Protein backbone atom coordinates (compact mmCIF):
# COMPACT_ATOMS: atom_id res chain seq x y z
CA MET A 1 -68.42 -29.82 175.05
CA ASP A 2 -66.42 -33.41 175.15
CA THR A 3 -67.29 -35.65 171.84
CA VAL A 4 -65.54 -37.65 169.50
CA TRP A 5 -65.14 -34.53 167.38
CA SER A 6 -63.56 -32.35 169.65
CA ARG A 7 -60.82 -34.72 170.34
CA PRO A 8 -57.78 -34.90 168.17
CA PRO A 9 -57.41 -38.14 166.51
CA LYS A 10 -54.96 -40.69 167.86
CA ALA A 11 -52.50 -42.84 165.89
CA PRO A 12 -53.27 -46.34 164.84
CA ARG A 13 -52.58 -48.93 167.42
CA GLN A 14 -51.70 -52.32 166.66
CA SER A 15 -52.66 -51.96 163.16
CA LEU A 16 -56.18 -50.82 164.20
CA THR A 17 -57.21 -47.65 162.72
CA LEU A 18 -60.32 -45.40 163.14
CA ASP A 19 -61.34 -46.10 159.81
CA LYS A 20 -61.26 -49.88 160.31
CA ILE A 21 -63.56 -49.36 163.61
CA VAL A 22 -66.14 -47.04 161.53
CA ALA A 23 -66.31 -49.54 158.65
CA GLU A 24 -66.80 -52.45 160.83
CA ALA A 25 -69.45 -50.54 163.12
CA VAL A 26 -71.51 -49.74 160.16
CA ALA A 27 -71.51 -53.51 159.01
CA LEU A 28 -72.51 -54.49 162.50
CA LEU A 29 -75.36 -51.96 162.68
CA ASP A 30 -76.35 -52.69 159.06
CA GLU A 31 -76.67 -56.31 159.82
CA GLU A 32 -78.00 -56.08 163.87
CA GLY A 33 -79.23 -52.81 164.48
CA VAL A 34 -78.41 -50.01 167.19
CA GLY A 35 -79.70 -52.19 170.03
CA ARG A 36 -77.09 -55.02 169.27
CA LEU A 37 -74.01 -52.64 169.05
CA THR A 38 -71.74 -52.83 172.02
CA MET A 39 -67.95 -52.12 172.48
CA ARG A 40 -67.31 -55.75 173.37
CA ARG A 41 -68.91 -57.10 170.13
CA LEU A 42 -67.29 -54.41 168.17
CA ALA A 43 -63.89 -55.39 169.55
CA GLU A 44 -64.75 -59.21 168.80
CA ARG A 45 -65.42 -58.27 165.30
CA LEU A 46 -62.31 -56.60 164.78
CA ASP A 47 -60.37 -59.22 166.47
CA THR A 48 -58.69 -57.00 168.80
CA GLY A 49 -59.08 -56.42 172.65
CA SER A 50 -61.28 -53.40 174.33
CA THR A 51 -58.50 -51.94 175.59
CA THR A 52 -57.04 -51.44 171.64
CA LEU A 53 -60.76 -50.09 170.68
CA TYR A 54 -60.66 -47.64 173.47
CA TRP A 55 -57.52 -46.15 172.40
CA HIS A 56 -59.33 -44.83 169.66
CA VAL A 57 -63.04 -44.32 170.81
CA THR A 58 -64.25 -43.66 174.20
CA THR A 59 -67.73 -44.48 174.21
CA LYS A 60 -70.62 -45.88 172.33
CA ASP A 61 -71.86 -42.63 171.43
CA ASP A 62 -68.41 -42.00 169.90
CA VAL A 63 -69.11 -44.78 167.77
CA LEU A 64 -72.66 -43.96 166.64
CA ASP A 65 -71.56 -40.68 166.17
CA LEU A 66 -68.86 -41.64 163.58
CA ALA A 67 -70.82 -44.05 162.01
CA LEU A 68 -73.84 -41.91 161.20
CA ASP A 69 -71.15 -39.33 159.92
CA ALA A 70 -70.09 -42.24 157.42
CA VAL A 71 -73.48 -42.42 156.36
CA PHE A 72 -73.59 -38.77 155.35
CA HIS A 73 -70.01 -39.46 153.54
CA GLU A 74 -72.20 -41.45 150.71
CA VAL A 75 -74.28 -38.31 149.84
CA ARG A 76 -72.97 -36.86 146.81
CA LEU A 77 -72.63 -33.22 146.62
CA PRO A 78 -74.47 -31.77 143.52
CA GLY A 79 -73.39 -28.99 141.28
CA ARG A 80 -75.78 -25.70 141.38
CA GLU A 81 -75.43 -25.14 137.66
CA ALA A 82 -79.08 -26.16 137.35
CA GLY A 83 -80.47 -23.69 139.93
CA TRP A 84 -81.15 -24.03 143.88
CA ARG A 85 -84.38 -26.33 143.29
CA ALA A 86 -82.26 -29.18 141.17
CA ALA A 87 -79.43 -28.87 143.87
CA ALA A 88 -81.76 -29.03 146.77
CA ARG A 89 -83.86 -31.87 145.35
CA GLU A 90 -80.49 -33.88 144.51
CA LEU A 91 -78.97 -33.49 147.83
CA MET A 92 -82.17 -34.32 149.91
CA SER A 93 -83.05 -37.51 147.54
CA GLY A 94 -79.16 -38.46 148.14
CA TRP A 95 -79.82 -38.09 151.85
CA ARG A 96 -82.81 -39.97 151.84
CA GLY A 97 -81.09 -42.88 149.71
CA ALA A 98 -77.98 -42.88 152.19
CA LEU A 99 -80.34 -43.41 155.31
CA LEU A 100 -82.50 -45.96 153.45
CA ARG A 101 -79.51 -48.15 152.86
CA HIS A 102 -78.77 -47.85 156.71
CA PRO A 103 -82.18 -48.06 158.45
CA TRP A 104 -80.68 -47.89 161.70
CA SER A 105 -79.23 -44.26 161.08
CA ALA A 106 -82.79 -42.99 161.11
CA THR A 107 -83.35 -43.93 164.49
CA ILE A 108 -80.27 -41.71 166.00
CA LEU A 109 -80.89 -38.75 163.95
CA ASP A 110 -81.38 -36.96 167.28
CA ARG A 111 -77.75 -36.94 167.85
CA PRO A 112 -76.03 -33.71 167.23
CA LEU A 113 -74.63 -33.84 163.56
CA MET A 114 -71.39 -32.41 164.02
CA GLY A 115 -69.36 -34.45 162.05
CA PRO A 116 -67.24 -33.55 158.88
CA ASN A 117 -69.53 -34.99 156.33
CA ALA A 118 -72.80 -33.81 158.03
CA LEU A 119 -71.47 -30.68 158.37
CA GLU A 120 -70.16 -30.07 154.82
CA ARG A 121 -73.36 -31.07 153.42
CA THR A 122 -75.49 -28.75 155.68
CA GLU A 123 -72.89 -26.09 154.56
CA PHE A 124 -73.72 -26.86 151.32
CA LEU A 125 -77.48 -26.57 151.60
CA TYR A 126 -77.35 -23.27 153.51
CA GLU A 127 -75.20 -21.91 151.40
CA THR A 128 -77.28 -23.04 148.24
CA LEU A 129 -80.47 -21.47 149.85
CA ALA A 130 -78.85 -18.03 150.81
CA GLU A 131 -77.61 -17.51 147.35
CA ALA A 132 -80.88 -18.21 145.94
CA GLY A 133 -82.37 -15.27 147.89
CA PHE A 134 -83.89 -16.79 150.89
CA PRO A 135 -83.88 -14.49 153.84
CA ALA A 136 -83.76 -17.28 156.45
CA PRO A 137 -81.98 -20.29 155.05
CA LYS A 138 -82.47 -22.22 158.31
CA ILE A 139 -85.86 -22.52 158.47
CA ALA A 140 -85.85 -23.52 154.85
CA ALA A 141 -83.19 -26.16 155.43
CA TYR A 142 -84.99 -27.33 158.64
CA SER A 143 -88.08 -27.86 156.44
CA LEU A 144 -86.50 -29.83 153.88
CA ALA A 145 -84.35 -31.70 156.48
CA ASN A 146 -87.78 -32.57 158.53
CA TYR A 147 -89.42 -34.06 155.27
CA VAL A 148 -86.51 -36.28 154.54
CA MET A 149 -86.14 -37.53 158.13
CA GLY A 150 -90.10 -38.08 158.38
CA SER A 151 -90.28 -39.65 155.40
CA VAL A 152 -87.22 -42.27 155.96
CA ILE A 153 -88.77 -42.90 159.54
CA MET A 154 -92.31 -43.62 158.09
CA GLN A 155 -91.01 -45.85 155.17
CA ALA A 156 -88.44 -47.89 157.53
CA THR A 157 -91.17 -48.00 160.16
CA TRP A 158 -94.11 -49.24 157.81
CA GLN A 159 -91.76 -51.72 155.75
CA GLU A 160 -90.75 -53.51 158.92
CA ARG A 161 -93.85 -53.81 160.81
CA ASP A 162 -97.01 -53.19 158.83
CA GLU A 163 -96.38 -55.57 155.49
CA GLY A 164 -99.50 -54.22 153.99
CA GLY A 165 -102.04 -54.96 157.07
CA THR A 166 -103.37 -51.32 157.34
CA GLY A 167 -104.47 -51.23 153.63
CA ALA A 168 -106.18 -54.18 153.90
CA PHE A 169 -107.85 -53.24 157.28
CA LEU A 170 -108.90 -49.63 155.64
CA LYS A 171 -110.41 -51.66 152.72
CA GLU A 172 -112.45 -53.62 154.93
CA ARG A 173 -113.73 -50.35 156.44
CA ALA A 174 -114.09 -48.24 153.42
CA ASP A 175 -117.74 -47.09 154.42
CA LEU A 176 -115.95 -45.37 157.52
CA TYR A 177 -112.92 -44.08 155.77
CA PRO A 178 -113.57 -43.66 152.06
CA SER A 179 -110.95 -41.37 151.32
CA LEU A 180 -108.14 -43.65 153.00
CA ALA A 181 -109.46 -46.52 151.30
CA GLU A 182 -109.33 -44.99 147.89
CA HIS A 183 -106.01 -43.13 148.14
CA GLY A 184 -104.10 -45.08 150.42
CA LEU A 185 -102.44 -44.68 153.82
CA ASP A 186 -100.68 -48.04 153.23
CA PHE A 187 -97.84 -46.99 150.88
CA ALA A 188 -95.91 -50.35 151.00
CA GLY A 189 -99.19 -52.42 150.23
CA GLY A 190 -100.36 -50.10 147.29
CA PRO A 191 -101.29 -51.38 143.78
CA ALA A 192 -97.84 -50.87 142.57
CA SER A 193 -95.66 -53.84 141.67
CA ASP A 194 -92.83 -52.47 143.14
CA PRO A 195 -93.10 -51.08 146.56
CA SER A 196 -89.98 -49.23 146.63
CA ALA A 197 -90.93 -47.44 143.34
CA GLU A 198 -94.13 -46.15 144.96
CA TRP A 199 -92.51 -44.67 147.97
CA ASP A 200 -89.85 -43.23 145.70
CA THR A 201 -92.70 -41.45 143.64
CA THR A 202 -94.52 -40.52 146.98
CA PHE A 203 -91.19 -38.95 148.23
CA ALA A 204 -90.53 -36.99 144.82
CA GLU A 205 -94.03 -35.78 144.51
CA GLY A 206 -94.07 -34.62 148.15
CA LEU A 207 -90.34 -33.07 147.73
CA GLY A 208 -91.95 -31.20 144.80
CA TYR A 209 -94.65 -29.70 146.90
CA LEU A 210 -92.10 -28.34 149.34
CA LEU A 211 -90.14 -26.85 146.79
CA ASP A 212 -92.88 -25.31 145.11
CA GLY A 213 -94.24 -23.66 148.22
CA MET A 214 -90.88 -22.55 149.11
CA GLU A 215 -90.20 -20.92 145.71
CA GLN A 216 -94.18 -19.47 145.57
CA ALA A 217 -93.38 -17.86 149.25
CA GLU A 218 -90.03 -16.46 148.32
CA GLU A 219 -91.49 -14.87 145.04
CA THR A 220 -94.53 -13.44 147.03
CA ARG A 221 -91.97 -11.89 149.68
CA ARG A 222 -90.00 -10.36 146.97
CA GLY A 223 -93.17 -8.76 145.36
CA GLY A 224 -94.15 -7.31 148.69
CA THR A 225 -90.83 -5.74 149.40
CA GLY A 226 -89.82 -5.02 145.87
C-alpha cells in the first residue's frame, strides 16, 4: 500500500518543510473546508511553486491524511491512575474536542487512520481496555470511537444547517410527536442559554451510559465464567 505513511520523509526543499505544509493545510481546511483544498491553493498560501510542494506530498490525499493526523496530535493522552473508565472518558472527550475545533475532520474519518498520532492514541485505548480485562478490546474501542464520531457529525451538521428549525417544527406538531416535542430532538435549539454547553452535557451523559453498559457487561461475563 502506497500512502504518505509508507514513504520515507524527504529533506526540506527551499526552506519548505512538511510541518509547514501540514500547518498551512490545517489552516486552509479550518477556514474553507475540504472542498476548497487543492494542491494549487495550498502552494499559493505557502508562497511556493507546485513543484516544491510535490517534493513533499504526492497527492491531495497525502495532505488530508497528514492534516487529519495533526488533529489527533491535539488529543492529550491521559493517565491511568484513576482507572480505565476515567482514562477512556478523558481520551474520548479530548478526541471529540479536537474534531469539533476542526469540523472538516469529521467528514474524512472514513480514511485509514494510519498516522503516528492516531495510532498512538488508538494503541493507548486498546491497551487500557485490555488491561481492564475486556476480552475483546477491539469491540469496546469501536463502540467508543463510533459514539464519538456519530456525536461530532451530528453536532457539526445540526449547528451548520438546522439553527433551531427542527425544534420549532416539532413544537408546532406536539400532538403528533409529544415525546420529541417535550424532550427535544433539536439539541442546538433547546432551552439552554449556551447551546455548546447543552451539546457537551448530552455527550457526557451518553458517554456515561455507554461506559456503564460496558462495565456491567464485563461484570456479568466475569460472574458467568468465575
